[in-house]
């Protein structure tokens, strides 16, 4: 799975859970971003929590939590 911010594309996780250990972590994006993947055979259904906040007023009460489902499907 990749995240693209501007012209930079960074790997943030792998779908090979058998080969690579997985951890949960929080990411903070201060700019517009795009999530993508390049898997041709793996499937993944994962809920991801996204917190958005106003950059002018960054306090714990200004966070808004959104949940969306990231779906990668088996193409074979």
Protein backbone atom coordinates (compact mmCIF):
# COMPACT_ATOMS: atom_id res chain seq x y z
CA UNK A 1 0.00 0.00 0.00
CA UNK A 2 1.31 3.43 -0.90
CA UNK A 3 0.57 7.01 0.01
CA UNK A 4 1.23 9.79 -2.50
CA UNK A 5 1.73 13.34 -1.26
CA UNK A 6 2.55 15.79 -4.02
CA UNK A 7 5.17 14.12 -6.22
CA UNK A 8 6.35 11.70 -3.50
CA UNK A 9 5.06 8.13 -3.37
CA UNK A 10 5.91 6.22 -0.18
CA UNK A 11 5.31 2.57 0.74
CA UNK A 12 3.43 2.43 4.04
CA UNK A 13 2.61 -1.29 4.32
CA UNK A 14 2.75 -4.64 2.60
CA UNK A 15 -0.10 -7.06 2.05
CA UNK A 16 2.20 -10.07 2.58
CA UNK A 17 1.33 -10.75 6.21
CA UNK A 18 2.89 -14.24 6.09
CA UNK A 19 6.31 -12.90 5.07
CA UNK A 20 6.45 -9.57 6.89
CA UNK A 21 5.31 -8.67 10.42
CA UNK A 22 2.52 -6.09 10.60
CA UNK A 23 2.10 -3.27 13.11
CA UNK A 24 -0.57 -0.67 13.70
CA UNK A 25 0.49 2.96 13.58
CA UNK A 26 -0.88 6.45 13.26
CA UNK A 27 -0.02 8.76 10.38
CA UNK A 28 -0.61 12.49 10.27
CA UNK A 29 -0.96 14.13 6.86
CA UNK A 30 -0.95 17.90 6.74
CA UNK A 31 -1.53 17.98 2.97
CA UNK A 32 -3.84 16.32 0.48
CA UNK A 33 -2.90 12.66 -0.03
CA UNK A 34 -3.81 9.64 -2.14
CA UNK A 35 -3.82 5.97 -1.05
CA UNK A 36 -3.11 3.25 -3.63
CA UNK A 37 -1.87 -0.33 -4.01
CA UNK A 38 -0.34 -2.48 -6.73
CA UNK A 39 -1.49 -5.94 -5.63
CA UNK A 40 -2.73 -8.22 -8.38
CA UNK A 41 -3.65 -11.22 -6.20
CA UNK A 42 -4.11 -10.13 -2.59
CA UNK A 43 -7.37 -9.17 -1.03
CA UNK A 44 -7.82 -6.84 1.89
CA UNK A 45 -10.83 -5.42 3.63
CA UNK A 46 -9.76 -3.04 6.34
CA UNK A 47 -11.38 -0.19 8.17
CA UNK A 48 -9.16 2.83 8.53
CA UNK A 49 -9.80 5.68 10.93
CA UNK A 50 -8.95 9.13 9.63
CA UNK A 51 -8.74 12.18 11.85
CA UNK A 52 -9.15 15.59 10.24
CA UNK A 53 -8.50 18.84 12.04
CA UNK A 54 -8.29 22.51 11.32
CA UNK A 55 -4.67 23.67 11.09
CA UNK A 56 -5.68 26.99 12.66
CA UNK A 57 -7.02 25.40 15.83
CA UNK A 58 -5.18 22.18 16.62
CA UNK A 59 -6.65 21.01 19.89
CA UNK A 60 -8.00 17.61 20.86
CA UNK A 61 -11.55 18.95 20.69
CA UNK A 62 -11.12 20.05 17.05
CA UNK A 63 -10.59 16.53 15.70
CA UNK A 64 -13.28 14.93 13.57
CA UNK A 65 -13.08 11.17 13.14
CA UNK A 66 -14.09 9.48 9.88
CA UNK A 67 -14.07 5.76 9.17
CA UNK A 68 -13.85 4.41 5.67
CA UNK A 69 -13.26 0.99 4.19
CA UNK A 70 -10.25 0.35 2.01
CA UNK A 71 -11.08 -2.60 -0.24
CA UNK A 72 -8.59 -4.50 -2.34
CA UNK A 73 -10.06 -7.43 -4.21
CA UNK A 74 -8.75 -10.67 -5.68
CA UNK A 75 -8.35 -10.36 -9.44
CA UNK A 76 -7.53 -14.02 -10.15
